[in-house]
C-alpha atoms as a PDB file:
ATOM      1  CA  UNK A   1      45.350  29.524  16.201  1.00  0.00           C
ATOM      2  CA  UNK A   2      48.622  29.716  14.184  1.00  0.00           C
ATOM      3  CA  UNK A   3      50.611  26.805  13.016  1.00  0.00           C
ATOM      4  CA  UNK A   4      54.156  26.898  11.589  1.00  0.00           C
ATOM      5  CA  UNK A   5      55.152  25.913   8.152  1.00  0.00           C
ATOM      6  CA  UNK A   6      58.614  25.129   7.110  1.00  0.00           C
ATOM      7  CA  UNK A   7      60.829  28.116   7.784  1.00  0.00           C
ATOM      8  CA  UNK A   8      58.927  28.981  11.067  1.00  0.00           C
ATOM      9  CA  UNK A   9      56.492  31.362   9.312  1.00  0.00           C
ATOM     10  CA  UNK A  10      53.167  31.450  11.198  1.00  0.00           C
ATOM     11  CA  UNK A  11      50.168  30.622   8.978  1.00  0.00           C
ATOM     12  CA  UNK A  12      46.880  32.172  10.077  1.00  0.00           C
ATOM     13  CA  UNK A  13      44.085  29.655  10.420  1.00  0.00           C
ATOM     14  CA  UNK A  14      46.313  26.494  10.512  1.00  0.00           C
ATOM     15  CA  UNK A  15      45.887  24.039  13.254  1.00  0.00           C
ATOM     16  CA  UNK A  16      48.270  22.482  15.775  1.00  0.00           C
ATOM     17  CA  UNK A  17      49.226  18.852  15.717  1.00  0.00           C
ATOM     18  CA  UNK A  18      46.886  18.017  18.571  1.00  0.00           C
ATOM     19  CA  UNK A  19      43.980  19.551  16.693  1.00  0.00           C
ATOM     20  CA  UNK A  20      44.976  17.594  13.634  1.00  0.00           C
ATOM     21  CA  UNK A  21      44.959  14.370  15.515  1.00  0.00           C
ATOM     22  CA  UNK A  22      41.569  15.311  17.003  1.00  0.00           C
ATOM     23  CA  UNK A  23      40.259  16.043  13.494  1.00  0.00           C
ATOM     24  CA  UNK A  24      41.715  12.785  12.153  1.00  0.00           C
ATOM     25  CA  UNK A  25      40.021  10.859  14.969  1.00  0.00           C
ATOM     26  CA  UNK A  26      36.677  12.548  14.157  1.00  0.00           C
ATOM     27  CA  UNK A  27      36.973  11.624  10.497  1.00  0.00           C
ATOM     28  CA  UNK A  28      37.777   8.007  11.322  1.00  0.00           C
ATOM     29  CA  UNK A  29      34.746   7.942  13.598  1.00  0.00           C
ATOM     30  CA  UNK A  30      32.513   9.366  10.934  1.00  0.00           C
ATOM     31  CA  UNK A  31      33.929   7.100   8.325  1.00  0.00           C
ATOM     32  CA  UNK A  32      33.354   4.075  10.714  1.00  0.00           C
ATOM     33  CA  UNK A  33      29.682   5.119  11.130  1.00  0.00           C
ATOM     34  CA  UNK A  34      29.250   5.636   7.379  1.00  0.00           C
ATOM     35  CA  UNK A  35      30.724   2.218   6.582  1.00  0.00           C
ATOM     36  CA  UNK A  36      28.014   0.625   8.782  1.00  0.00           C
ATOM     37  CA  UNK A  37      25.311   2.390   6.737  1.00  0.00           C
ATOM     38  CA  UNK A  38      24.158   0.588   3.546  1.00  0.00           C
ATOM     39  CA  UNK A  39      25.796   1.866   0.350  1.00  0.00           C
ATOM     40  CA  UNK A  40      24.091   3.260  -2.613  1.00  0.00           C
ATOM     41  CA  UNK A  41      23.572  -0.149  -4.328  1.00  0.00           C
ATOM     42  CA  UNK A  42      21.975  -1.483  -1.118  1.00  0.00           C
ATOM     43  CA  UNK A  43      19.752   1.473  -0.688  1.00  0.00           C
ATOM     44  CA  UNK A  44      18.713   1.316  -4.283  1.00  0.00           C
ATOM     45  CA  UNK A  45      17.835  -2.333  -3.990  1.00  0.00           C
ATOM     46  CA  UNK A  46      15.871  -1.680  -0.871  1.00  0.00           C
ATOM     47  CA  UNK A  47      13.965   1.186  -2.532  1.00  0.00           C
ATOM     48  CA  UNK A  48      13.293  -0.828  -5.639  1.00  0.00           C
ATOM     49  CA  UNK A  49      11.938  -3.712  -3.539  1.00  0.00           C
ATOM     50  CA  UNK A  50       9.583  -1.265  -1.849  1.00  0.00           C
ATOM     51  CA  UNK A  51       8.363   0.181  -5.228  1.00  0.00           C
ATOM     52  CA  UNK A  52      10.115   3.610  -4.828  1.00  0.00           C
ATOM     53  CA  UNK A  53      11.566   3.380  -8.355  1.00  0.00           C
ATOM     54  CA  UNK A  54      12.506   7.103  -8.879  1.00  0.00           C
ATOM     55  CA  UNK A  55      14.362   7.148  -5.608  1.00  0.00           C
ATOM     56  CA  UNK A  56      15.941   3.723  -6.272  1.00  0.00           C
ATOM     57  CA  UNK A  57      17.231   5.038  -9.681  1.00  0.00           C
ATOM     58  CA  UNK A  58      18.902   7.990  -7.952  1.00  0.00           C
ATOM     59  CA  UNK A  59      20.760   5.661  -5.552  1.00  0.00           C
ATOM     60  CA  UNK A  60      21.751   3.298  -8.421  1.00  0.00           C
ATOM     61  CA  UNK A  61      23.102   6.207 -10.495  1.00  0.00           C
ATOM     62  CA  UNK A  62      25.298   7.111  -7.485  1.00  0.00           C
ATOM     63  CA  UNK A  63      26.281   3.436  -7.229  1.00  0.00           C
ATOM     64  CA  UNK A  64      27.285   3.286 -10.880  1.00  0.00           C
ATOM     65  CA  UNK A  65      29.659   6.246 -10.077  1.00  0.00           C
ATOM     66  CA  UNK A  66      31.007   4.612  -7.039  1.00  0.00           C
ATOM     67  CA  UNK A  67      31.248   1.145  -8.573  1.00  0.00           C
ATOM     68  CA  UNK A  68      31.570   1.602 -12.319  1.00  0.00           C
ATOM     69  CA  UNK A  69      32.919  -1.906 -12.891  1.00  0.00           C
ATOM     70  CA  UNK A  70      30.312  -3.810 -10.972  1.00  0.00           C
ATOM     71  CA  UNK A  71      27.961  -5.637 -13.275  1.00  0.00           C
ATOM     72  CA  UNK A  72      25.317  -6.142 -10.501  1.00  0.00           C
ATOM     73  CA  UNK A  73      25.021  -2.429 -10.140  1.00  0.00           C
ATOM     74  CA  UNK A  74      24.360  -1.886 -13.838  1.00  0.00           C
ATOM     75  CA  UNK A  75      21.993  -4.932 -13.945  1.00  0.00           C
ATOM     76  CA  UNK A  76      19.841  -3.624 -11.042  1.00  0.00           C
ATOM     77  CA  UNK A  77      19.849  -0.218 -12.659  1.00  0.00           C
ATOM     78  CA  UNK A  78      18.415  -1.896 -15.749  1.00  0.00           C
ATOM     79  CA  UNK A  79      15.815  -3.643 -13.700  1.00  0.00           C
ATOM     80  CA  UNK A  80      14.640  -0.406 -12.203  1.00  0.00           C
ATOM     81  CA  UNK A  81      14.621   1.308 -15.644  1.00  0.00           C
ATOM     82  CA  UNK A  82      12.623  -1.711 -17.014  1.00  0.00           C
ATOM     83  CA  UNK A  83       9.999  -1.353 -14.274  1.00  0.00           C
ATOM     84  CA  UNK A  84       9.805   2.351 -15.094  1.00  0.00           C
ATOM     85  CA  UNK A  85       9.091   1.518 -18.724  1.00  0.00           C
ATOM     86  CA  UNK A  86      12.407   3.045 -19.915  1.00  0.00           C
ATOM     87  CA  UNK A  87      13.372  -0.101 -21.880  1.00  0.00           C
ATOM     88  CA  UNK A  88      16.022   1.352 -24.203  1.00  0.00           C
ATOM     89  CA  UNK A  89      17.877   2.873 -21.235  1.00  0.00           C
ATOM     90  CA  UNK A  90      17.569  -0.546 -19.434  1.00  0.00           C
ATOM     91  CA  UNK A  91      18.957  -2.282 -22.436  1.00  0.00           C
ATOM     92  CA  UNK A  92      22.021  -0.063 -22.225  1.00  0.00           C
ATOM     93  CA  UNK A  93      22.423  -0.876 -18.585  1.00  0.00           C
ATOM     94  CA  UNK A  94      22.111  -4.658 -19.167  1.00  0.00           C
ATOM     95  CA  UNK A  95      24.621  -4.441 -22.069  1.00  0.00           C
ATOM     96  CA  UNK A  96      27.056  -2.501 -19.842  1.00  0.00           C
ATOM     97  CA  UNK A  97      26.808  -5.301 -17.245  1.00  0.00           C
ATOM     98  CA  UNK A  98      27.499  -7.849 -19.966  1.00  0.00           C
ATOM     99  CA  UNK A  99      30.469  -5.807 -21.227  1.00  0.00           C
ATOM    100  CA  UNK A 100      31.851  -6.038 -17.645  1.00  0.00           C
ATOM    101  CA  UNK A 101      31.043  -9.688 -17.153  1.00  0.00           C
ATOM    102  CA  UNK A 102      30.030 -11.545 -20.324  1.00  0.00           C
ATOM    103  CA  UNK A 103      28.937 -14.592 -18.348  1.00  0.00           C
ATOM    104  CA  UNK A 104      26.566 -12.644 -16.027  1.00  0.00           C
ATOM    105  CA  UNK A 105      23.366 -14.473 -16.785  1.00  0.00           C
ATOM    106  CA  UNK A 106      20.884 -12.276 -14.838  1.00  0.00           C
ATOM    107  CA  UNK A 107      21.646  -9.364 -17.236  1.00  0.00           C
ATOM    108  CA  UNK A 108      21.435 -11.654 -20.190  1.00  0.00           C
ATOM    109  CA  UNK A 109      18.036 -12.881 -19.048  1.00  0.00           C
ATOM    110  CA  UNK A 110      16.787  -9.399 -18.332  1.00  0.00           C
ATOM    111  CA  UNK A 111      17.938  -8.263 -21.830  1.00  0.00           C
ATOM    112  CA  UNK A 112      15.989 -11.148 -23.322  1.00  0.00           C
ATOM    113  CA  UNK A 113      12.798 -10.210 -21.400  1.00  0.00           C
ATOM    114  CA  UNK A 114      13.198  -6.591 -22.681  1.00  0.00           C
ATOM    115  CA  UNK A 115      13.620  -7.904 -26.292  1.00  0.00           C
ATOM    116  CA  UNK A 116      10.332  -9.818 -25.845  1.00  0.00           C
ATOM    117  CA  UNK A 117       8.563  -6.808 -24.328  1.00  0.00           C
ATOM    118  CA  UNK A 118       9.771  -4.608 -27.212  1.00  0.00           C
ATOM    119  CA  UNK A 119       8.436  -7.273 -29.764  1.00  0.00           C
ATOM    120  CA  UNK A 120      11.899  -8.183 -30.965  1.00  0.00           C
ATOM    121  CA  UNK A 121      10.711 -11.832 -30.945  1.00  0.00           C
ATOM    122  CA  UNK A 122      13.601 -13.283 -33.041  1.00  0.00           C
ATOM    123  CA  UNK A 123      16.205 -11.849 -30.648  1.00  0.00           C
ATOM    124  CA  UNK A 124      14.236 -12.926 -27.595  1.00  0.00           C
ATOM    125  CA  UNK A 125      13.773 -16.517 -28.937  1.00  0.00           C
ATOM    126  CA  UNK A 126      17.464 -16.829 -29.722  1.00  0.00           C
ATOM    127  CA  UNK A 127      18.424 -15.626 -26.197  1.00  0.00           C
ATOM    128  CA  UNK A 128      15.849 -17.757 -24.364  1.00  0.00           C
ATOM    129  CA  UNK A 129      16.985 -20.820 -26.291  1.00  0.00           C
ATOM    130  CA  UNK A 130      20.539 -20.270 -25.237  1.00  0.00           C
ATOM    131  CA  UNK A 131      19.451 -19.449 -21.643  1.00  0.00           C
ATOM    132  CA  UNK A 132      17.394 -22.607 -21.377  1.00  0.00           C
ATOM    133  CA  UNK A 133      20.534 -24.595 -22.079  1.00  0.00           C
ATOM    134  CA  UNK A 134      22.608 -22.536 -19.566  1.00  0.00           C
ATOM    135  CA  UNK A 135      19.961 -22.442 -16.925  1.00  0.00           C
ATOM    136  CA  UNK A 136      17.954 -25.709 -17.249  1.00  0.00           C
ATOM    137  CA  UNK A 137      16.371 -25.282 -13.849  1.00  0.00           C
ATOM    138  CA  UNK A 138      15.207 -21.719 -14.363  1.00  0.00           C
ATOM    139  CA  UNK A 139      11.593 -21.363 -15.318  1.00  0.00           C
ATOM    140  CA  UNK A 140      11.850 -17.995 -17.039  1.00  0.00           C
ATOM    141  CA  UNK A 141      13.421 -19.218 -20.374  1.00  0.00           C
ATOM    142  CA  UNK A 142      10.798 -22.028 -20.607  1.00  0.00           C
ATOM    143  CA  UNK A 143       8.012 -19.469 -19.911  1.00  0.00           C
ATOM    144  CA  UNK A 144       9.115 -16.993 -22.477  1.00  0.00           C
ATOM    145  CA  UNK A 145       9.753 -19.762 -25.094  1.00  0.00           C
ATOM    146  CA  UNK A 146       6.197 -20.868 -24.444  1.00  0.00           C
ATOM    147  CA  UNK A 147       4.972 -17.415 -24.876  1.00  0.00           C
ATOM    148  CA  UNK A 148       7.002 -16.963 -28.043  1.00  0.00           C
ATOM    149  CA  UNK A 149       5.545 -20.205 -29.501  1.00  0.00           C
ATOM    150  CA  UNK A 150       2.110 -19.059 -28.504  1.00  0.00           C
ATOM    151  CA  UNK A 151       2.764 -15.813 -30.331  1.00  0.00           C
ATOM    152  CA  UNK A 152       3.645 -17.842 -33.432  1.00  0.00           C
ATOM    153  CA  UNK A 153       0.481 -20.033 -33.002  1.00  0.00           C
ATOM    154  CA  UNK A 154       2.699 -23.081 -32.359  1.00  0.00           C
ATOM    155  CA  UNK A 155       0.401 -24.374 -29.613  1.00  0.00           C
ATOM    156  CA  UNK A 156       2.080 -27.798 -29.123  1.00  0.00           C
ATOM    157  CA  UNK A 157       5.469 -26.290 -28.673  1.00  0.00           C
ATOM    158  CA  UNK A 158       4.030 -23.559 -26.519  1.00  0.00           C
ATOM    159  CA  UNK A 159       2.399 -26.265 -24.217  1.00  0.00           C
ATOM    160  CA  UNK A 160       5.720 -28.236 -24.007  1.00  0.00           C
ATOM    161  CA  UNK A 161       7.625 -25.187 -22.828  1.00  0.00           C
ATOM    162  CA  UNK A 162       4.947 -23.986 -20.518  1.00  0.00           C
ATOM    163  CA  UNK A 163       4.593 -27.513 -18.978  1.00  0.00           C
ATOM    164  CA  UNK A 164       8.362 -27.452 -18.288  1.00  0.00           C
ATOM    165  CA  UNK A 165       8.045 -23.910 -16.690  1.00  0.00           C
ATOM    166  CA  UNK A 166       5.160 -25.264 -14.591  1.00  0.00           C
ATOM    167  CA  UNK A 167       7.334 -28.185 -13.321  1.00  0.00           C
ATOM    168  CA  UNK A 168      10.108 -25.709 -12.378  1.00  0.00           C
ATOM    169  CA  UNK A 169       7.626 -23.144 -10.885  1.00  0.00           C
ATOM    170  CA  UNK A 170       4.390 -24.895 -10.032  1.00  0.00           C
ATOM    171  CA  UNK A 171       2.588 -21.901  -8.589  1.00  0.00           C
ATOM    172  CA  UNK A 172       3.933 -19.106 -10.830  1.00  0.00           C
ATOM    173  CA  UNK A 173       0.834 -17.086 -11.964  1.00  0.00           C
ATOM    174  CA  UNK A 174       2.201 -16.003 -15.300  1.00  0.00           C
ATOM    175  CA  UNK A 175       3.009 -19.683 -16.102  1.00  0.00           C
ATOM    176  CA  UNK A 176      -0.482 -20.912 -15.036  1.00  0.00           C
ATOM    177  CA  UNK A 177      -2.363 -18.180 -16.939  1.00  0.00           C
ATOM    178  CA  UNK A 178      -0.276 -18.916 -20.192  1.00  0.00           C
ATOM    179  CA  UNK A 179      -0.874 -22.641 -19.851  1.00  0.00           C
ATOM    180  CA  UNK A 180      -4.604 -22.207 -19.326  1.00  0.00           C
ATOM    181  CA  UNK A 181      -4.694 -20.011 -22.392  1.00  0.00           C
ATOM    182  CA  UNK A 182      -2.876 -22.650 -24.587  1.00  0.00           C
ATOM    183  CA  UNK A 183      -5.065 -25.370 -23.167  1.00  0.00           C
ATOM    184  CA  UNK A 184      -8.150 -23.458 -24.143  1.00  0.00           C
ATOM    185  CA  UNK A 185      -6.865 -22.896 -27.675  1.00  0.00           C
ATOM    186  CA  UNK A 186      -5.874 -26.633 -28.209  1.00  0.00           C
END
């Protein structure tokens, strides 16, 4: 099929206006179908929930390219990296989320958990103290403050924090196990 370009010169392989409109309709149809499919972030979250961490990470890498300014994408990427044991990379993802949104508390909390896991107890304690004030109904800061106090053999302080965590999350297994451990040491 030959189309015409300015100056009435036929161009081999070009398409007519009718064909172009048909192609445009096809593209719109495909775009409509794709927009109904979950995006890379949603697929990554779904894969992470089902324990398929390597696949989730691939999707979340794509999501960071598609949405580089979305702190939730970087935070979830950090969560997956943490679950894979790649804590230094996870820290970078959490820090990126916090660069984008300094008040994004889930990334700050995840960064504090990583600090604890990497035995950076001073940093973890500082962050969890601040988070306990910002999120007074969240059991995670109280749990980790209790674990940090236990680490320092401050059993009464540990018990106080862990009892608060238990009030906020009565059936959380980590809270119950830590509380029993403290009670046995007292």
